[in-house]
């Protein structure tokens, strides 16, 4: 015996699927995405993880990812169009320490 779904059930099922998909993927953009910074997007991740899609641009921020299943995906046509950077190299840190110790 086959059972047909009513149109209302189909609408509810599609709304549930759309809602579940949008909750696991966010976009970072300096021009109006879900978040303006990568860290804000990472911090919004639910327990099961989230995919962070990053619009082209240079994002200078220190990013801490503390849970699994949080991939970062650049949306540029070439890898160099989406850049995540932060000047936290040993040389830069040594320079800060030397200046702090100077009289």
N, C-alpha and C. Protein backbone atom coordinates (compact mmCIF):
# COMPACT_ATOMS: atom_id res chain seq x y z
N UNK A 1 0.84 -1.18 0.00
CA UNK A 1 0.00 0.00 0.00
C UNK A 1 0.89 1.25 0.00
N UNK A 2 0.79 2.07 -1.05
CA UNK A 2 1.59 3.29 -1.09
C UNK A 2 0.80 4.44 -0.45
N UNK A 3 1.54 5.31 0.17
CA UNK A 3 0.92 6.41 0.89
C UNK A 3 1.47 7.72 0.35
N UNK A 4 0.60 8.61 -0.05
CA UNK A 4 1.02 9.89 -0.59
C UNK A 4 1.10 10.93 0.52
N UNK A 5 2.09 11.80 0.40
CA UNK A 5 2.22 12.90 1.37
C UNK A 5 1.35 14.06 0.92
N UNK A 6 0.69 14.68 1.87
CA UNK A 6 -0.12 15.84 1.55
C UNK A 6 0.79 17.02 1.21
N UNK A 7 0.28 17.98 0.46
CA UNK A 7 1.10 19.16 0.13
C UNK A 7 1.62 19.88 1.38
N UNK A 8 0.84 19.94 2.44
CA UNK A 8 1.27 20.61 3.66
C UNK A 8 2.44 19.89 4.31
N UNK A 9 2.41 18.57 4.29
CA UNK A 9 3.54 17.81 4.84
C UNK A 9 4.80 18.05 4.02
N UNK A 10 4.66 18.12 2.71
CA UNK A 10 5.82 18.39 1.87
C UNK A 10 6.40 19.77 2.17
N UNK A 11 5.55 20.76 2.37
CA UNK A 11 6.01 22.10 2.71
C UNK A 11 6.76 22.08 4.05
N UNK A 12 6.19 21.42 5.03
CA UNK A 12 6.85 21.34 6.34
C UNK A 12 8.19 20.62 6.26
N UNK A 13 8.25 19.54 5.51
CA UNK A 13 9.51 18.81 5.36
C UNK A 13 10.55 19.68 4.67
N UNK A 14 10.19 20.39 3.63
CA UNK A 14 11.16 21.24 2.93
C UNK A 14 11.61 22.39 3.81
N UNK A 15 10.72 22.94 4.64
CA UNK A 15 11.12 24.01 5.57
C UNK A 15 12.11 23.48 6.59
N UNK A 16 11.90 22.27 7.08
CA UNK A 16 12.80 21.67 8.05
C UNK A 16 14.18 21.45 7.43
N UNK A 17 14.22 20.93 6.21
CA UNK A 17 15.49 20.67 5.54
C UNK A 17 16.22 21.97 5.28
N UNK A 18 15.54 23.00 4.82
CA UNK A 18 16.16 24.30 4.58
C UNK A 18 16.70 24.89 5.87
N UNK A 19 15.94 24.80 6.94
CA UNK A 19 16.38 25.33 8.22
C UNK A 19 17.60 24.59 8.72
N UNK A 20 17.64 23.29 8.60
CA UNK A 20 18.78 22.50 9.06
C UNK A 20 20.02 22.83 8.24
N UNK A 21 19.87 23.03 6.93
CA UNK A 21 21.02 23.33 6.09
C UNK A 21 21.59 24.70 6.41
N UNK A 22 20.74 25.69 6.62
CA UNK A 22 21.23 27.04 6.87
C UNK A 22 21.89 27.14 8.24
N UNK A 23 21.55 26.28 9.16
CA UNK A 23 22.15 26.33 10.49
C UNK A 23 23.56 25.78 10.50
N UNK A 24 23.97 25.04 9.47
CA UNK A 24 25.29 24.44 9.46
C UNK A 24 26.26 25.13 8.51
N UNK A 25 25.87 26.24 7.93
CA UNK A 25 26.73 26.96 7.00
C UNK A 25 26.50 28.45 7.14
N UNK A 26 27.58 29.21 7.30
CA UNK A 26 27.50 30.66 7.40
C UNK A 26 28.51 31.29 6.45
N UNK A 27 28.29 32.55 6.13
CA UNK A 27 29.19 33.27 5.23
C UNK A 27 29.79 34.47 5.95
N UNK A 28 31.10 34.64 5.76
CA UNK A 28 31.81 35.80 6.30
C UNK A 28 32.08 36.74 5.14
N UNK A 29 31.74 38.01 5.33
CA UNK A 29 31.99 39.01 4.29
C UNK A 29 32.08 40.38 4.94
N UNK A 30 32.97 41.19 4.45
CA UNK A 30 33.08 42.56 4.96
C UNK A 30 31.98 43.43 4.37
N UNK A 31 31.24 42.88 3.41
CA UNK A 31 30.19 43.64 2.73
C UNK A 31 28.80 43.05 2.95
N UNK A 32 28.54 42.50 4.13
CA UNK A 32 27.18 42.06 4.42
C UNK A 32 26.91 40.58 4.40
N UNK A 33 27.80 39.76 4.92
CA UNK A 33 27.52 38.34 5.07
C UNK A 33 26.82 38.08 6.39
N UNK A 34 26.79 36.83 6.81
CA UNK A 34 26.23 36.50 8.11
C UNK A 34 27.08 37.08 9.24
N UNK A 35 28.40 37.15 9.01
CA UNK A 35 29.34 37.69 10.00
C UNK A 35 30.38 38.54 9.29
N UNK A 36 30.95 39.53 10.00
CA UNK A 36 31.99 40.38 9.44
C UNK A 36 33.38 39.83 9.69
N UNK A 37 33.53 38.96 10.71
CA UNK A 37 34.84 38.37 10.99
C UNK A 37 34.74 36.85 11.01
N UNK A 38 35.87 36.22 10.72
CA UNK A 38 35.92 34.76 10.73
C UNK A 38 35.71 34.23 12.14
N UNK A 39 36.32 34.91 13.13
CA UNK A 39 36.19 34.45 14.51
C UNK A 39 34.74 34.48 15.00
N UNK A 40 33.99 35.50 14.63
CA UNK A 40 32.57 35.54 15.01
C UNK A 40 31.83 34.34 14.43
N UNK A 41 32.13 33.99 13.19
CA UNK A 41 31.48 32.84 12.55
C UNK A 41 31.88 31.54 13.25
N UNK A 42 33.15 31.39 13.57
CA UNK A 42 33.62 30.19 14.26
C UNK A 42 32.97 30.09 15.64
N UNK A 43 32.89 31.21 16.34
CA UNK A 43 32.28 31.21 17.68
C UNK A 43 30.80 30.86 17.65
N UNK A 44 30.14 31.04 16.51
CA UNK A 44 28.70 30.74 16.41
C UNK A 44 28.44 29.25 16.17
N UNK A 45 29.48 28.46 16.01
CA UNK A 45 29.32 27.05 15.66
C UNK A 45 28.55 26.27 16.72
N UNK A 46 27.53 25.53 16.31
CA UNK A 46 26.82 24.66 17.25
C UNK A 46 27.67 23.42 17.56
N UNK A 47 27.19 22.59 18.44
CA UNK A 47 27.91 21.40 18.88
C UNK A 47 28.38 20.52 17.72
N UNK A 48 27.57 20.36 16.70
CA UNK A 48 27.91 19.48 15.59
C UNK A 48 28.83 20.09 14.55
N UNK A 49 29.21 21.34 14.73
CA UNK A 49 30.09 22.01 13.80
C UNK A 49 29.35 22.92 12.84
N UNK A 50 30.14 23.61 12.01
CA UNK A 50 29.58 24.56 11.06
C UNK A 50 30.59 24.75 9.93
N UNK A 51 30.13 24.99 8.73
CA UNK A 51 31.00 25.30 7.61
C UNK A 51 31.04 26.82 7.47
N UNK A 52 32.23 27.38 7.47
CA UNK A 52 32.41 28.83 7.37
C UNK A 52 32.91 29.14 5.96
N UNK A 53 32.08 29.78 5.19
CA UNK A 53 32.41 30.18 3.82
C UNK A 53 32.85 31.64 3.86
N UNK A 54 34.05 31.93 3.31
CA UNK A 54 34.65 33.25 3.45
C UNK A 54 34.77 33.92 2.09
N UNK A 55 34.11 35.06 1.97
CA UNK A 55 34.17 35.84 0.74
C UNK A 55 35.59 36.37 0.52
N UNK A 56 35.97 36.66 -0.73
CA UNK A 56 37.31 37.18 -1.00
C UNK A 56 37.61 38.45 -0.20
N UNK A 57 38.86 38.57 0.21
CA UNK A 57 39.32 39.72 0.97
C UNK A 57 40.45 39.30 1.90
N UNK A 58 41.01 40.28 2.60
CA UNK A 58 42.07 40.02 3.57
C UNK A 58 41.46 40.17 4.96
N UNK A 59 41.55 39.13 5.75
CA UNK A 59 41.00 39.11 7.09
C UNK A 59 42.17 39.00 8.07
N UNK A 60 42.52 40.11 8.72
CA UNK A 60 43.64 40.12 9.66
C UNK A 60 43.07 39.92 11.06
N UNK A 61 43.13 38.68 11.51
CA UNK A 61 42.61 38.34 12.84
C UNK A 61 43.20 37.01 13.29
N UNK A 62 43.35 36.87 14.56
CA UNK A 62 43.84 35.62 15.14
C UNK A 62 42.62 34.73 15.35
N UNK A 63 42.63 33.55 14.77
CA UNK A 63 41.45 32.67 14.79
C UNK A 63 41.72 31.47 15.68
N UNK A 64 40.82 31.23 16.62
CA UNK A 64 40.89 30.08 17.52
C UNK A 64 39.71 29.17 17.24
N UNK A 65 39.99 27.94 16.81
CA UNK A 65 38.94 26.95 16.58
C UNK A 65 39.10 25.90 17.66
N UNK A 66 38.10 25.80 18.54
CA UNK A 66 38.22 24.92 19.71
C UNK A 66 37.37 23.66 19.63
N UNK A 67 36.69 23.45 18.51
CA UNK A 67 35.88 22.24 18.37
C UNK A 67 36.06 21.64 16.98
N UNK A 68 35.77 20.36 16.83
CA UNK A 68 35.93 19.73 15.52
C UNK A 68 34.81 20.12 14.55
N UNK A 69 35.03 19.80 13.31
CA UNK A 69 34.03 19.99 12.25
C UNK A 69 33.71 21.45 11.98
N UNK A 70 34.77 22.27 11.85
CA UNK A 70 34.59 23.68 11.51
C UNK A 70 35.53 24.01 10.33
N UNK A 71 35.18 23.53 9.13
CA UNK A 71 36.03 23.85 7.98
C UNK A 71 35.86 25.30 7.53
N UNK A 72 36.96 25.90 7.09
CA UNK A 72 36.95 27.25 6.54
C UNK A 72 37.15 27.13 5.04
N UNK A 73 36.26 27.72 4.25
CA UNK A 73 36.31 27.60 2.80
C UNK A 73 36.35 28.99 2.18
N UNK A 74 37.43 29.29 1.46
CA UNK A 74 37.55 30.55 0.75
C UNK A 74 36.71 30.51 -0.52
N UNK A 75 36.01 31.59 -0.79
CA UNK A 75 35.10 31.62 -1.94
C UNK A 75 35.68 32.34 -3.16
N UNK A 76 36.95 32.73 -3.10
CA UNK A 76 37.57 33.36 -4.25
C UNK A 76 37.78 32.38 -5.39
N UNK A 77 37.96 32.89 -6.59
CA UNK A 77 38.21 32.02 -7.74
C UNK A 77 39.62 31.44 -7.67
N UNK A 78 40.55 32.17 -7.03
CA UNK A 78 41.91 31.69 -6.84
C UNK A 78 42.23 31.73 -5.35
N UNK A 79 43.11 30.85 -4.89
CA UNK A 79 43.43 30.79 -3.45
C UNK A 79 43.87 32.13 -2.85
N UNK A 80 44.61 32.94 -3.60
CA UNK A 80 45.11 34.20 -3.08
C UNK A 80 44.06 35.29 -2.89
N UNK A 81 42.84 35.05 -3.30
CA UNK A 81 41.79 36.06 -3.17
C UNK A 81 41.17 36.11 -1.78
N UNK A 82 41.29 35.03 -1.03
CA UNK A 82 40.79 34.99 0.35
C UNK A 82 41.98 34.72 1.24
N UNK A 83 42.37 35.73 2.03
CA UNK A 83 43.60 35.63 2.83
C UNK A 83 43.26 35.80 4.31
N UNK A 84 43.71 34.82 5.11
CA UNK A 84 43.60 34.91 6.56
C UNK A 84 45.02 35.14 7.07
N UNK A 85 45.22 36.24 7.80
CA UNK A 85 46.56 36.58 8.24
C UNK A 85 46.54 37.17 9.64
N UNK A 86 47.67 37.04 10.32
CA UNK A 86 47.86 37.67 11.63
C UNK A 86 49.35 37.68 11.88
N UNK A 87 49.90 38.81 12.26
CA UNK A 87 51.33 38.95 12.46
C UNK A 87 51.73 38.44 13.84
N UNK A 88 51.81 37.12 13.96
CA UNK A 88 52.12 36.51 15.26
C UNK A 88 53.32 35.57 15.12
N UNK A 89 54.28 35.97 14.29
CA UNK A 89 55.46 35.14 14.07
C UNK A 89 56.44 35.32 15.23
N UNK A 90 57.37 34.38 15.41
CA UNK A 90 58.36 34.54 16.48
C UNK A 90 59.15 35.84 16.35
N UNK A 91 59.48 36.22 15.12
CA UNK A 91 60.24 37.46 14.90
C UNK A 91 59.42 38.68 15.35
N UNK A 92 58.14 38.71 15.01
CA UNK A 92 57.29 39.84 15.41
C UNK A 92 57.13 39.90 16.93
N UNK A 93 56.96 38.74 17.55
CA UNK A 93 56.81 38.70 19.00
C UNK A 93 58.11 39.12 19.69
N UNK A 94 59.27 38.71 19.15
CA UNK A 94 60.55 39.10 19.73
C UNK A 94 60.72 40.61 19.65
N UNK A 95 60.31 41.20 18.54
CA UNK A 95 60.40 42.65 18.39
C UNK A 95 59.55 43.37 19.43
N UNK A 96 58.38 42.85 19.73
CA UNK A 96 57.51 43.45 20.75
C UNK A 96 58.17 43.33 22.12
N UNK A 97 58.78 42.19 22.40
CA UNK A 97 59.43 41.99 23.70
C UNK A 97 60.63 42.90 23.86
N UNK A 98 61.40 43.08 22.78
CA UNK A 98 62.57 43.97 22.84
C UNK A 98 62.15 45.41 23.09
N UNK A 99 61.08 45.86 22.45
CA UNK A 99 60.61 47.23 22.67
C UNK A 99 60.08 47.42 24.07
N UNK A 100 59.42 46.40 24.60
CA UNK A 100 58.87 46.51 25.95
C UNK A 100 59.99 46.57 27.00
N UNK A 101 61.12 45.92 26.73
CA UNK A 101 62.24 45.90 27.70
C UNK A 101 63.11 47.13 27.59
N UNK A 102 62.99 47.92 26.52
CA UNK A 102 63.83 49.11 26.34
C UNK A 102 63.41 50.21 27.31
N UNK A 103 64.42 50.98 27.82
CA UNK A 103 64.08 52.10 28.72
C UNK A 103 63.43 53.25 28.03
